[in-house]
Amino acid sequence: MSQGFLCRIDELDDPGSKGLCVEIDGRLTDIFVVRRGDEVFAYLNRCPHTGSPLDWLPDQFLDLDRSSIQCATHDARFRIEDGMCFSGPCQGESLQAITVRLHDGAVWLDQPGRV
């Protein structure tokens, strides 16, 4: 299994988010990471409702108070910790999680693929 460096945790606001393009299963894939405290969560940058990207500006995945992930297309809201939609047209559906890990202050993709 290959592992790829994504970013340093101190590059992310708390809470904050960052979009990245990584190789997963031989294909370039848009993902994003969200920091909240000492935890980092990662998801495919794809809304379960329409398949569209969630960000409206680069690295802008959170709502104004930075308490949830927000889809820029139709304002669906997702919990940071598990990607579950709690408001909007895809309520009850989830973002697709990407496995990452923290090590020595860095965020790593922890599945086959590379940055």
PDB file of N, CA and C in Angstrom:
ATOM      1  N   MET A   1       0.853  -1.180   0.000  1.00  0.00           N
ATOM      2  CA  MET A   1       0.000   0.000   0.000  1.00  0.00           C
ATOM      3  C   MET A   1       0.896   1.240   0.000  1.00  0.00           C
ATOM      4  N   SER A   2       0.683   2.126  -0.939  1.00  0.00           N
ATOM      5  CA  SER A   2       1.459   3.359  -0.930  1.00  0.00           C
ATOM      6  C   SER A   2       0.723   4.408  -0.118  1.00  0.00           C
ATOM      7  N   GLN A   3       1.478   5.348   0.387  1.00  0.00           N
ATOM      8  CA  GLN A   3       0.910   6.412   1.195  1.00  0.00           C
ATOM      9  C   GLN A   3       1.454   7.728   0.672  1.00  0.00           C
ATOM     10  N   GLY A   4       0.612   8.742   0.613  1.00  0.00           N
ATOM     11  CA  GLY A   4       1.046  10.009   0.063  1.00  0.00           C
ATOM     12  C   GLY A   4       0.848  11.148   1.033  1.00  0.00           C
ATOM     13  N   PHE A   5       1.857  11.980   1.102  1.00  0.00           N
ATOM     14  CA  PHE A   5       1.780  13.197   1.914  1.00  0.00           C
ATOM     15  C   PHE A   5       0.760  14.134   1.293  1.00  0.00           C
ATOM     16  N   LEU A   6      -0.147  14.676   2.117  1.00  0.00           N
ATOM     17  CA  LEU A   6      -1.148  15.615   1.621  1.00  0.00           C
ATOM     18  C   LEU A   6      -0.824  17.052   2.019  1.00  0.00           C
ATOM     19  N   CYS A   7      -0.594  17.298   3.304  1.00  0.00           N
ATOM     20  CA  CYS A   7      -0.287  18.641   3.779  1.00  0.00           C
ATOM     21  C   CYS A   7       0.140  18.554   5.245  1.00  0.00           C
ATOM     22  N   ARG A   8       0.638  19.650   5.762  1.00  0.00           N
ATOM     23  CA  ARG A   8       0.919  19.748   7.198  1.00  0.00           C
ATOM     24  C   ARG A   8      -0.358  20.209   7.893  1.00  0.00           C
ATOM     25  N   ILE A   9      -0.607  19.708   9.081  1.00  0.00           N
ATOM     26  CA  ILE A   9      -1.822  20.101   9.788  1.00  0.00           C
ATOM     27  C   ILE A   9      -1.821  21.599  10.089  1.00  0.00           C
ATOM     28  N   ASP A  10      -0.632  22.185  10.302  1.00  0.00           N
ATOM     29  CA  ASP A  10      -0.582  23.614  10.597  1.00  0.00           C
ATOM     30  C   ASP A  10      -0.835  24.492   9.368  1.00  0.00           C
ATOM     31  N   GLU A  11      -0.981  23.895   8.186  1.00  0.00           N
ATOM     32  CA  GLU A  11      -1.388  24.632   6.988  1.00  0.00           C
ATOM     33  C   GLU A  11      -2.898  24.846   6.953  1.00  0.00           C
ATOM     34  N   LEU A  12      -3.618  24.137   7.822  1.00  0.00           N
ATOM     35  CA  LEU A  12      -5.069  24.223   7.864  1.00  0.00           C
ATOM     36  C   LEU A  12      -5.509  25.068   9.048  1.00  0.00           C
ATOM     37  N   ASP A  13      -6.438  26.001   8.813  1.00  0.00           N
ATOM     38  CA  ASP A  13      -7.037  26.729   9.931  1.00  0.00           C
ATOM     39  C   ASP A  13      -7.754  25.727  10.828  1.00  0.00           C
ATOM     40  N   ASP A  14      -8.105  26.142  12.025  1.00  0.00           N
ATOM     41  CA  ASP A  14      -8.832  25.281  12.950  1.00  0.00           C
ATOM     42  C   ASP A  14     -10.125  25.953  13.373  1.00  0.00           C
ATOM     43  N   PRO A  15     -11.274  25.583  12.801  1.00  0.00           N
ATOM     44  CA  PRO A  15     -11.432  24.608  11.720  1.00  0.00           C
ATOM     45  C   PRO A  15     -11.110  25.233  10.363  1.00  0.00           C
ATOM     46  N   GLY A  16     -10.747  24.383   9.448  1.00  0.00           N
ATOM     47  CA  GLY A  16     -10.404  24.838   8.104  1.00  0.00           C
ATOM     48  C   GLY A  16     -10.416  23.682   7.129  1.00  0.00           C
ATOM     49  N   SER A  17     -10.284  23.996   5.846  1.00  0.00           N
ATOM     50  CA  SER A  17     -10.358  22.963   4.807  1.00  0.00           C
ATOM     51  C   SER A  17      -9.403  23.280   3.662  1.00  0.00           C
ATOM     52  N   LYS A  18      -9.110  22.241   2.898  1.00  0.00           N
ATOM     53  CA  LYS A  18      -8.191  22.388   1.769  1.00  0.00           C
ATOM     54  C   LYS A  18      -8.553  21.335   0.723  1.00  0.00           C
ATOM     55  N   GLY A  19      -8.646  21.758  -0.522  1.00  0.00           N
ATOM     56  CA  GLY A  19      -8.886  20.839  -1.625  1.00  0.00           C
ATOM     57  C   GLY A  19      -7.576  20.322  -2.183  1.00  0.00           C
ATOM     58  N   LEU A  20      -7.582  19.070  -2.628  1.00  0.00           N
ATOM     59  CA  LEU A  20      -6.386  18.433  -3.173  1.00  0.00           C
ATOM     60  C   LEU A  20      -6.783  17.510  -4.320  1.00  0.00           C
ATOM     61  N   CYS A  21      -5.855  17.274  -5.214  1.00  0.00           N
ATOM     62  CA  CYS A  21      -6.040  16.290  -6.273  1.00  0.00           C
ATOM     63  C   CYS A  21      -5.021  15.178  -6.032  1.00  0.00           C
ATOM     64  N   VAL A  22      -5.512  13.952  -5.886  1.00  0.00           N
ATOM     65  CA  VAL A  22      -4.643  12.814  -5.589  1.00  0.00           C
ATOM     66  C   VAL A  22      -4.935  11.689  -6.568  1.00  0.00           C
ATOM     67  N   GLU A  23      -4.023  10.740  -6.645  1.00  0.00           N
ATOM     68  CA  GLU A  23      -4.244   9.566  -7.468  1.00  0.00           C
ATOM     69  C   GLU A  23      -4.762   8.444  -6.577  1.00  0.00           C
ATOM     70  N   ILE A  24      -5.945   7.941  -6.903  1.00  0.00           N
ATOM     71  CA  ILE A  24      -6.543   6.818  -6.190  1.00  0.00           C
ATOM     72  C   ILE A  24      -6.964   5.792  -7.232  1.00  0.00           C
ATOM     73  N   ASP A  25      -6.498   4.569  -7.064  1.00  0.00           N
ATOM     74  CA  ASP A  25      -6.796   3.490  -8.018  1.00  0.00           C
ATOM     75  C   ASP A  25      -6.425   3.878  -9.444  1.00  0.00           C
ATOM     76  N   GLY A  26      -5.298   4.575  -9.589  1.00  0.00           N
ATOM     77  CA  GLY A  26      -4.798   4.942 -10.905  1.00  0.00           C
ATOM     78  C   GLY A  26      -5.495   6.115 -11.568  1.00  0.00           C
ATOM     79  N   ARG A  27      -6.416   6.780 -10.843  1.00  0.00           N
ATOM     80  CA  ARG A  27      -7.138   7.910 -11.427  1.00  0.00           C
ATOM     81  C   ARG A  27      -6.964   9.147 -10.561  1.00  0.00           C
ATOM     82  N   LEU A  28      -6.806  10.305 -11.199  1.00  0.00           N
ATOM     83  CA  LEU A  28      -6.749  11.557 -10.452  1.00  0.00           C
ATOM     84  C   LEU A  28      -8.132  11.841  -9.873  1.00  0.00           C
ATOM     85  N   THR A  29      -8.152  12.159  -8.590  1.00  0.00           N
ATOM     86  CA  THR A  29      -9.410  12.321  -7.860  1.00  0.00           C
ATOM     87  C   THR A  29      -9.343  13.571  -7.003  1.00  0.00           C
ATOM     88  N   ASP A  30     -10.391  14.388  -7.050  1.00  0.00           N
ATOM     89  CA  ASP A  30     -10.468  15.583  -6.209  1.00  0.00           C
ATOM     90  C   ASP A  30     -11.025  15.200  -4.841  1.00  0.00           C
ATOM     91  N   ILE A  31     -10.281  15.542  -3.806  1.00  0.00           N
ATOM     92  CA  ILE A  31     -10.703  15.302  -2.435  1.00  0.00           C
ATOM     93  C   ILE A  31     -10.544  16.604  -1.657  1.00  0.00           C
ATOM     94  N   PHE A  32     -10.994  16.608  -0.407  1.00  0.00           N
ATOM     95  CA  PHE A  32     -10.707  17.727   0.474  1.00  0.00           C
ATOM     96  C   PHE A  32     -10.516  17.201   1.883  1.00  0.00           C
ATOM     97  N   VAL A  33      -9.723  17.943   2.636  1.00  0.00           N
ATOM     98  CA  VAL A  33      -9.487  17.612   4.038  1.00  0.00           C
ATOM     99  C   VAL A  33     -10.052  18.743   4.894  1.00  0.00           C
ATOM    100  N   VAL A  34     -10.535  18.380   6.067  1.00  0.00           N
ATOM    101  CA  VAL A  34     -11.077  19.341   7.017  1.00  0.00           C
ATOM    102  C   VAL A  34     -10.408  19.102   8.355  1.00  0.00           C
ATOM    103  N   ARG A  35      -9.909  20.166   8.934  1.00  0.00           N
ATOM    104  CA  ARG A  35      -9.315  20.083  10.266  1.00  0.00           C
ATOM    105  C   ARG A  35     -10.300  20.624  11.295  1.00  0.00           C
ATOM    106  N   ARG A  36     -10.408  19.899  12.386  1.00  0.00           N
ATOM    107  CA  ARG A  36     -11.131  20.389  13.552  1.00  0.00           C
ATOM    108  C   ARG A  36     -10.342  19.928  14.766  1.00  0.00           C
ATOM    109  N   GLY A  37      -9.693  20.880  15.422  1.00  0.00           N
ATOM    110  CA  GLY A  37      -8.822  20.552  16.545  1.00  0.00           C
ATOM    111  C   GLY A  37      -7.638  19.733  16.075  1.00  0.00           C
ATOM    112  N   ASP A  38      -7.398  18.625  16.741  1.00  0.00           N
ATOM    113  CA  ASP A  38      -6.289  17.742  16.375  1.00  0.00           C
ATOM    114  C   ASP A  38      -6.731  16.621  15.445  1.00  0.00           C
ATOM    115  N   GLU A  39      -7.932  16.735  14.888  1.00  0.00           N
ATOM    116  CA  GLU A  39      -8.443  15.711  13.984  1.00  0.00           C
ATOM    117  C   GLU A  39      -8.523  16.248  12.565  1.00  0.00           C
ATOM    118  N   VAL A  40      -8.326  15.342  11.607  1.00  0.00           N
ATOM    119  CA  VAL A  40      -8.458  15.687  10.197  1.00  0.00           C
ATOM    120  C   VAL A  40      -9.338  14.629   9.537  1.00  0.00           C
ATOM    121  N   PHE A  41     -10.293  15.092   8.736  1.00  0.00           N
ATOM    122  CA  PHE A  41     -11.218  14.222   8.026  1.00  0.00           C
ATOM    123  C   PHE A  41     -11.053  14.500   6.540  1.00  0.00           C
ATOM    124  N   ALA A  42     -11.271  13.496   5.701  1.00  0.00           N
ATOM    125  CA  ALA A  42     -11.123  13.681   4.256  1.00  0.00           C
ATOM    126  C   ALA A  42     -12.290  13.023   3.525  1.00  0.00           C
ATOM    127  N   TYR A  43     -12.692  13.668   2.422  1.00  0.00           N
ATOM    128  CA  TYR A  43     -13.829  13.192   1.635  1.00  0.00           C
ATOM    129  C   TYR A  43     -13.580  13.444   0.163  1.00  0.00           C
ATOM    130  N   LEU A  44     -14.251  12.662  -0.693  1.00  0.00           N
ATOM    131  CA  LEU A  44     -14.270  12.987  -2.115  1.00  0.00           C
ATOM    132  C   LEU A  44     -14.972  14.331  -2.267  1.00  0.00           C
ATOM    133  N   ASN A  45     -14.502  15.135  -3.191  1.00  0.00           N
ATOM    134  CA  ASN A  45     -15.128  16.431  -3.459  1.00  0.00           C
ATOM    135  C   ASN A  45     -16.271  16.225  -4.454  1.00  0.00           C
ATOM    136  N   ARG A  46     -17.316  15.561  -3.952  1.00  0.00           N
ATOM    137  CA  ARG A  46     -18.455  15.225  -4.800  1.00  0.00           C
ATOM    138  C   ARG A  46     -19.719  15.172  -3.938  1.00  0.00           C
ATOM    139  N   CYS A  47     -20.689  15.975  -4.267  1.00  0.00           N
ATOM    140  CA  CYS A  47     -21.955  15.982  -3.531  1.00  0.00           C
ATOM    141  C   CYS A  47     -22.744  14.716  -3.867  1.00  0.00           C
ATOM    142  N   PRO A  48     -23.294  14.026  -2.871  1.00  0.00           N
ATOM    143  CA  PRO A  48     -24.077  12.815  -3.164  1.00  0.00           C
ATOM    144  C   PRO A  48     -25.383  13.117  -3.903  1.00  0.00           C
ATOM    145  N   HIS A  49     -25.836  14.373  -3.889  1.00  0.00           N
ATOM    146  CA  HIS A  49     -27.087  14.738  -4.550  1.00  0.00           C
ATOM    147  C   HIS A  49     -26.910  14.880  -6.057  1.00  0.00           C
ATOM    148  N   THR A  50     -25.901  15.634  -6.487  1.00  0.00           N
ATOM    149  CA  THR A  50     -25.732  15.921  -7.918  1.00  0.00           C
ATOM    150  C   THR A  50     -24.407  15.449  -8.493  1.00  0.00           C
ATOM    151  N   GLY A  51     -23.463  15.072  -7.628  1.00  0.00           N
ATOM    152  CA  GLY A  51     -22.139  14.693  -8.104  1.00  0.00           C
ATOM    153  C   GLY A  51     -21.235  15.883  -8.362  1.00  0.00           C
ATOM    154  N   SER A  52     -21.731  17.084  -8.108  1.00  0.00           N
ATOM    155  CA  SER A  52     -20.948  18.293  -8.355  1.00  0.00           C
ATOM    156  C   SER A  52     -19.938  18.519  -7.225  1.00  0.00           C
ATOM    157  N   PRO A  53     -18.880  19.299  -7.501  1.00  0.00           N
ATOM    158  CA  PRO A  53     -17.936  19.653  -6.434  1.00  0.00           C
ATOM    159  C   PRO A  53     -18.642  20.473  -5.357  1.00  0.00           C
ATOM    160  N   LEU A  54     -18.176  20.366  -4.120  1.00  0.00           N
ATOM    161  CA  LEU A  54     -18.810  21.071  -3.015  1.00  0.00           C
ATOM    162  C   LEU A  54     -18.323  22.504  -2.864  1.00  0.00           C
ATOM    163  N   ASP A  55     -17.105  22.812  -3.272  1.00  0.00           N
ATOM    164  CA  ASP A  55     -16.530  24.135  -3.031  1.00  0.00           C
ATOM    165  C   ASP A  55     -16.955  25.142  -4.098  1.00  0.00           C
ATOM    166  N   TRP A  56     -17.141  26.379  -3.659  1.00  0.00           N
ATOM    167  CA  TRP A  56     -17.470  27.456  -4.588  1.00  0.00           C
ATOM    168  C   TRP A  56     -16.251  28.316  -4.878  1.00  0.00           C
ATOM    169  N   LEU A  57     -15.275  28.294  -4.007  1.00  0.00           N
ATOM    170  CA  LEU A  57     -13.968  28.912  -4.187  1.00  0.00           C
ATOM    171  C   LEU A  57     -12.933  27.892  -3.734  1.00  0.00           C
ATOM    172  N   PRO A  58     -11.706  27.990  -4.223  1.00  0.00           N
ATOM    173  CA  PRO A  58     -10.691  27.034  -3.777  1.00  0.00           C
ATOM    174  C   PRO A  58     -10.602  26.971  -2.247  1.00  0.00           C
ATOM    175  N   ASP A  59     -10.596  25.765  -1.725  1.00  0.00           N
ATOM    176  CA  ASP A  59     -10.431  25.475  -0.293  1.00  0.00           C
ATOM    177  C   ASP A  59     -11.597  25.941   0.577  1.00  0.00           C
ATOM    178  N   GLN A  60     -12.732  26.321  -0.018  1.00  0.00           N
ATOM    179  CA  GLN A  60     -13.902  26.781   0.737  1.00  0.00           C
ATOM    180  C   GLN A  60     -14.956  25.676   0.788  1.00  0.00           C
ATOM    181  N   PHE A  61     -14.853  24.819   1.791  1.00  0.00           N
ATOM    182  CA  PHE A  61     -15.781  23.699   1.942  1.00  0.00           C
ATOM    183  C   PHE A  61     -16.676  23.845   3.170  1.00  0.00           C
ATOM    184  N   LEU A  62     -16.403  24.813   4.024  1.00  0.00           N
ATOM    185  CA  LEU A  62     -17.150  24.956   5.266  1.00  0.00           C
ATOM    186  C   LEU A  62     -18.152  26.105   5.173  1.00  0.00           C
ATOM    187  N   ASP A  63     -19.213  26.024   5.979  1.00  0.00           N
ATOM    188  CA  ASP A  63     -20.189  27.113   6.029  1.00  0.00           C
ATOM    189  C   ASP A  63     -19.558  28.324   6.717  1.00  0.00           C
ATOM    190  N   LEU A  64     -20.296  29.410   6.795  1.00  0.00           N
ATOM    191  CA  LEU A  64     -19.730  30.662   7.310  1.00  0.00           C
ATOM    192  C   LEU A  64     -19.211  30.575   8.740  1.00  0.00           C
ATOM    193  N   ASP A  65     -19.890  29.811   9.597  1.00  0.00           N
ATOM    194  CA  ASP A  65     -19.388  29.686  10.978  1.00  0.00           C
ATOM    195  C   ASP A  65     -18.424  28.507  11.150  1.00  0.00           C
ATOM    196  N   ARG A  66     -18.094  27.853  10.043  1.00  0.00           N
ATOM    197  CA  ARG A  66     -17.114  26.761   9.989  1.00  0.00           C
ATOM    198  C   ARG A  66     -17.469  25.591  10.914  1.00  0.00           C
ATOM    199  N   SER A  67     -18.771  25.336  11.056  1.00  0.00           N
ATOM    200  CA  SER A  67     -19.216  24.236  11.902  1.00  0.00           C
ATOM    201  C   SER A  67     -19.663  23.020  11.104  1.00  0.00           C
ATOM    202  N   SER A  68     -19.839  23.179   9.779  1.00  0.00           N
ATOM    203  CA  SER A  68     -20.234  22.043   8.947  1.00  0.00           C
ATOM    204  C   SER A  68     -19.723  22.255   7.518  1.00  0.00           C
ATOM    205  N   ILE A  69     -19.710  21.161   6.772  1.00  0.00           N
ATOM    206  CA  ILE A  69     -19.353  21.199   5.351  1.00  0.00           C
ATOM    207  C   ILE A  69     -20.597  21.635   4.587  1.00  0.00           C
ATOM    208  N   GLN A  70     -20.417  22.494   3.600  1.00  0.00           N
ATOM    209  CA  GLN A  70     -21.548  23.037   2.853  1.00  0.00           C
ATOM    210  C   GLN A  70     -21.347  22.826   1.362  1.00  0.00           C
ATOM    211  N   CYS A  71     -22.381  22.345   0.682  1.00  0.00           N
ATOM    212  CA  CYS A  71     -22.347  22.231  -0.773  1.00  0.00           C
ATOM    213  C   CYS A  71     -22.703  23.584  -1.373  1.00  0.00           C
ATOM    214  N   ALA A  72     -21.833  24.102  -2.213  1.00  0.00           N
ATOM    215  CA  ALA A  72     -22.047  25.413  -2.825  1.00  0.00           C
ATOM    216  C   ALA A  72     -23.169  25.384  -3.862  1.00  0.00           C
ATOM    217  N   THR A  73     -23.481  24.226  -4.413  1.00  0.00           N
ATOM    218  CA  THR A  73     -24.493  24.142  -5.459  1.00  0.00           C
ATOM    219  C   THR A  73     -25.905  24.291  -4.913  1.00  0.00           C
ATOM    220  N   HIS A  74     -26.222  23.611  -3.804  1.00  0.00           N
ATOM    221  CA  HIS A  74     -27.604  23.650  -3.319  1.00  0.00           C
ATOM    222  C   HIS A  74     -27.708  23.760  -1.795  1.00  0.00           C
ATOM    223  N   ASP A  75     -26.620  24.144  -1.133  1.00  0.00           N
ATOM    224  CA  ASP A  75     -26.631  24.481   0.289  1.00  0.00           C
ATOM    225  C   ASP A  75     -26.861  23.298   1.228  1.00  0.00           C
ATOM    226  N   ALA A  76     -26.649  22.078   0.774  1.00  0.00           N
ATOM    227  CA  ALA A  76     -26.728  20.927   1.690  1.00  0.00           C
ATOM    228  C   ALA A  76     -25.633  21.083   2.737  1.00  0.00           C
ATOM    229  N   ARG A  77     -25.901  20.603   3.950  1.00  0.00           N
ATOM    230  CA  ARG A  77     -24.932  20.682   5.047  1.00  0.00           C
ATOM    231  C   ARG A  77     -24.589  19.268   5.503  1.00  0.00           C
ATOM    232  N   PHE A  78     -23.303  19.054   5.780  1.00  0.00           N
ATOM    233  CA  PHE A  78     -22.785  17.754   6.175  1.00  0.00           C
ATOM    234  C   PHE A  78     -21.987  17.891   7.465  1.00  0.00           C
ATOM    235  N   ARG A  79     -22.079  16.882   8.332  1.00  0.00           N
ATOM    236  CA  ARG A  79     -21.279  16.886   9.560  1.00  0.00           C
ATOM    237  C   ARG A  79     -19.813  16.672   9.196  1.00  0.00           C
ATOM    238  N   ILE A  80     -18.955  17.400   9.857  1.00  0.00           N
ATOM    239  CA  ILE A  80     -17.525  17.293   9.603  1.00  0.00           C
ATOM    240  C   ILE A  80     -17.008  15.903   9.952  1.00  0.00           C
ATOM    241  N   GLU A  81     -17.432  15.360  11.090  1.00  0.00           N
ATOM    242  CA  GLU A  81     -16.838  14.121  11.609  1.00  0.00           C
ATOM    243  C   GLU A  81     -17.198  12.855  10.845  1.00  0.00           C
ATOM    244  N   ASP A  82     -18.320  12.842  10.092  1.00  0.00           N
ATOM    245  CA  ASP A  82     -18.668  11.619   9.373  1.00  0.00           C
ATOM    246  C   ASP A  82     -19.255  11.857   7.984  1.00  0.00           C
ATOM    247  N   GLY A  83     -19.384  13.117   7.559  1.00  0.00           N
ATOM    248  CA  GLY A  83     -19.871  13.431   6.225  1.00  0.00           C
ATOM    249  C   GLY A  83     -21.357  13.219   6.017  1.00  0.00           C
ATOM    250  N   MET A  84     -22.122  12.939   7.066  1.00  0.00           N
ATOM    251  CA  MET A  84     -23.561  12.698   6.944  1.00  0.00           C
ATOM    252  C   MET A  84     -24.290  14.014   6.680  1.00  0.00           C
ATOM    253  N   CYS A  85     -25.173  14.003   5.689  1.00  0.00           N
ATOM    254  CA  CYS A  85     -25.968  15.191   5.362  1.00  0.00           C
ATOM    255  C   CYS A  85     -27.113  15.310   6.368  1.00  0.00           C
ATOM    256  N   PHE A  86     -27.203  16.468   7.007  1.00  0.00           N
ATOM    257  CA  PHE A  86     -28.265  16.695   7.981  1.00  0.00           C
ATOM    258  C   PHE A  86     -29.242  17.778   7.530  1.00  0.00           C
ATOM    259  N   SER A  87     -28.957  18.423   6.404  1.00  0.00           N
ATOM    260  CA  SER A  87     -29.841  19.470   5.902  1.00  0.00           C
ATOM    261  C   SER A  87     -29.669  19.593   4.392  1.00  0.00           C
ATOM    262  N   GLY A  88     -30.797  19.644   3.680  1.00  0.00           N
ATOM    263  CA  GLY A  88     -30.725  19.807   2.232  1.00  0.00           C
ATOM    264  C   GLY A  88     -31.319  18.619   1.503  1.00  0.00           C
ATOM    265  N   PRO A  89     -31.237  18.643   0.159  1.00  0.00           N
ATOM    266  CA  PRO A  89     -31.910  17.633  -0.658  1.00  0.00           C
ATOM    267  C   PRO A  89     -31.327  16.223  -0.550  1.00  0.00           C
ATOM    268  N   CYS A  90     -30.146  16.083  -0.003  1.00  0.00           N
ATOM    269  CA  CYS A  90     -29.561  14.739   0.125  1.00  0.00           C
ATOM    270  C   CYS A  90     -29.507  14.301   1.592  1.00  0.00           C
ATOM    271  N   GLN A  91     -30.417  14.835   2.407  1.00  0.00           N
ATOM    272  CA  GLN A  91     -30.464  14.512   3.832  1.00  0.00           C
ATOM    273  C   GLN A  91     -30.495  13.001   4.028  1.00  0.00           C
ATOM    274  N   GLY A  92     -29.630  12.517   4.927  1.00  0.00           N
ATOM    275  CA  GLY A  92     -29.526  11.087   5.202  1.00  0.00           C
ATOM    276  C   GLY A  92     -28.459  10.389   4.379  1.00  0.00           C
ATOM    277  N   GLU A  93     -27.960  11.025   3.327  1.00  0.00           N
ATOM    278  CA  GLU A  93     -26.861  10.465   2.539  1.00  0.00           C
ATOM    279  C   GLU A  93     -25.549  11.000   3.101  1.00  0.00           C
ATOM    280  N   SER A  94     -24.436  10.421   2.660  1.00  0.00           N
ATOM    281  CA  SER A  94     -23.128  10.818   3.185  1.00  0.00           C
ATOM    282  C   SER A  94     -22.145  11.121   2.071  1.00  0.00           C
ATOM    283  N   LEU A  95     -21.186  11.963   2.421  1.00  0.00           N
ATOM    284  CA  LEU A  95     -20.013  12.134   1.563  1.00  0.00           C
ATOM    285  C   LEU A  95     -19.198  10.852   1.629  1.00  0.00           C
ATOM    286  N   GLN A  96     -18.427  10.583   0.590  1.00  0.00           N
ATOM    287  CA  GLN A  96     -17.583   9.389   0.592  1.00  0.00           C
ATOM    288  C   GLN A  96     -16.260   9.707   1.282  1.00  0.00           C
ATOM    289  N   ALA A  97     -16.023   9.039   2.400  1.00  0.00           N
ATOM    290  CA  ALA A  97     -14.819   9.286   3.201  1.00  0.00           C
ATOM    291  C   ALA A  97     -13.577   8.721   2.522  1.00  0.00           C
ATOM    292  N   ILE A  98     -12.470   9.408   2.735  1.00  0.00           N
ATOM    293  CA  ILE A  98     -11.150   8.979   2.287  1.00  0.00           C
ATOM    294  C   ILE A  98     -10.317   8.774   3.552  1.00  0.00           C
ATOM    295  N   THR A  99      -9.626   7.659   3.638  1.00  0.00           N
ATOM    296  CA  THR A  99      -8.847   7.358   4.833  1.00  0.00           C
ATOM    297  C   THR A  99      -7.541   8.147   4.839  1.00  0.00           C
ATOM    298  N   VAL A 100      -7.359   8.934   5.882  1.00  0.00           N
ATOM    299  CA  VAL A 100      -6.119   9.682   6.086  1.00  0.00           C
ATOM    300  C   VAL A 100      -5.641   9.429   7.507  1.00  0.00           C
ATOM    301  N   ARG A 101      -4.386   9.741   7.748  1.00  0.00           N
ATOM    302  CA  ARG A 101      -3.834   9.621   9.096  1.00  0.00           C
ATOM    303  C   ARG A 101      -2.908  10.790   9.355  1.00  0.00           C
ATOM    304  N   LEU A 102      -2.756  11.105  10.634  1.00  0.00           N
ATOM    305  CA  LEU A 102      -1.826  12.140  11.072  1.00  0.00           C
ATOM    306  C   LEU A 102      -0.570  11.469  11.606  1.00  0.00           C
ATOM    307  N   HIS A 103       0.579  12.002  11.215  1.00  0.00           N
ATOM    308  CA  HIS A 103       1.852  11.496  11.725  1.00  0.00           C
ATOM    309  C   HIS A 103       2.858  12.633  11.717  1.00  0.00           C
ATOM    310  N   ASP A 104       3.413  12.934  12.882  1.00  0.00           N
ATOM    311  CA  ASP A 104       4.415  13.995  13.018  1.00  0.00           C
ATOM    312  C   ASP A 104       3.953  15.322  12.422  1.00  0.00           C
ATOM    313  N   GLY A 105       2.681  15.667  12.665  1.00  0.00           N
ATOM    314  CA  GLY A 105       2.157  16.949  12.200  1.00  0.00           C
ATOM    315  C   GLY A 105       1.799  16.997  10.733  1.00  0.00           C
ATOM    316  N   ALA A 106       1.832  15.846  10.055  1.00  0.00           N
ATOM    317  CA  ALA A 106       1.502  15.798   8.633  1.00  0.00           C
ATOM    318  C   ALA A 106       0.266  14.933   8.408  1.00  0.00           C
ATOM    319  N   VAL A 107      -0.488  15.269   7.373  1.00  0.00           N
ATOM    320  CA  VAL A 107      -1.660  14.505   6.969  1.00  0.00           C
ATOM    321  C   VAL A 107      -1.246  13.637   5.785  1.00  0.00           C
ATOM    322  N   TRP A 108      -1.535  12.344   5.899  1.00  0.00           N
ATOM    323  CA  TRP A 108      -1.146  11.371   4.871  1.00  0.00           C
ATOM    324  C   TRP A 108      -2.363  10.647   4.320  1.00  0.00           C
ATOM    325  N   LEU A 109      -2.388  10.447   3.013  1.00  0.00           N
ATOM    326  CA  LEU A 109      -3.360   9.570   2.382  1.00  0.00           C
ATOM    327  C   LEU A 109      -2.985   8.161   2.797  1.00  0.00           C
ATOM    328  N   ASP A 110      -3.919   7.417   3.344  1.00  0.00           N
ATOM    329  CA  ASP A 110      -3.598   6.102   3.896  1.00  0.00           C
ATOM    330  C   ASP A 110      -4.352   5.008   3.144  1.00  0.00           C
ATOM    331  N   GLN A 111      -4.143   4.988   1.838  1.00  0.00           N
ATOM    332  CA  GLN A 111      -4.729   3.958   1.014  1.00  0.00           C
ATOM    333  C   GLN A 111      -3.960   3.907  -0.289  1.00  0.00           C
ATOM    334  N   PRO A 112      -4.206   2.898  -1.115  1.00  0.00           N
ATOM    335  CA  PRO A 112      -3.474   2.854  -2.387  1.00  0.00           C
ATOM    336  C   PRO A 112      -3.649   4.155  -3.154  1.00  0.00           C
ATOM    337  N   GLY A 113      -2.597   4.643  -3.675  1.00  0.00           N
ATOM    338  CA  GLY A 113      -2.636   5.892  -4.434  1.00  0.00           C
ATOM    339  C   GLY A 113      -1.437   6.735  -4.087  1.00  0.00           C
ATOM    340  N   ARG A 114      -1.327   7.843  -4.768  1.00  0.00           N
ATOM    341  CA  ARG A 114      -0.244   8.777  -4.450  1.00  0.00           C
ATOM    342  C   ARG A 114      -0.663  10.173  -4.835  1.00  0.00           C
ATOM    343  N   VAL A 115      -0.042  11.145  -4.221  1.00  0.00           N
ATOM    344  CA  VAL A 115      -0.336  12.541  -4.514  1.00  0.00           C
ATOM    345  C   VAL A 115       0.307  12.921  -5.820  1.00  0.00           C
TER     346      VAL A 115
END
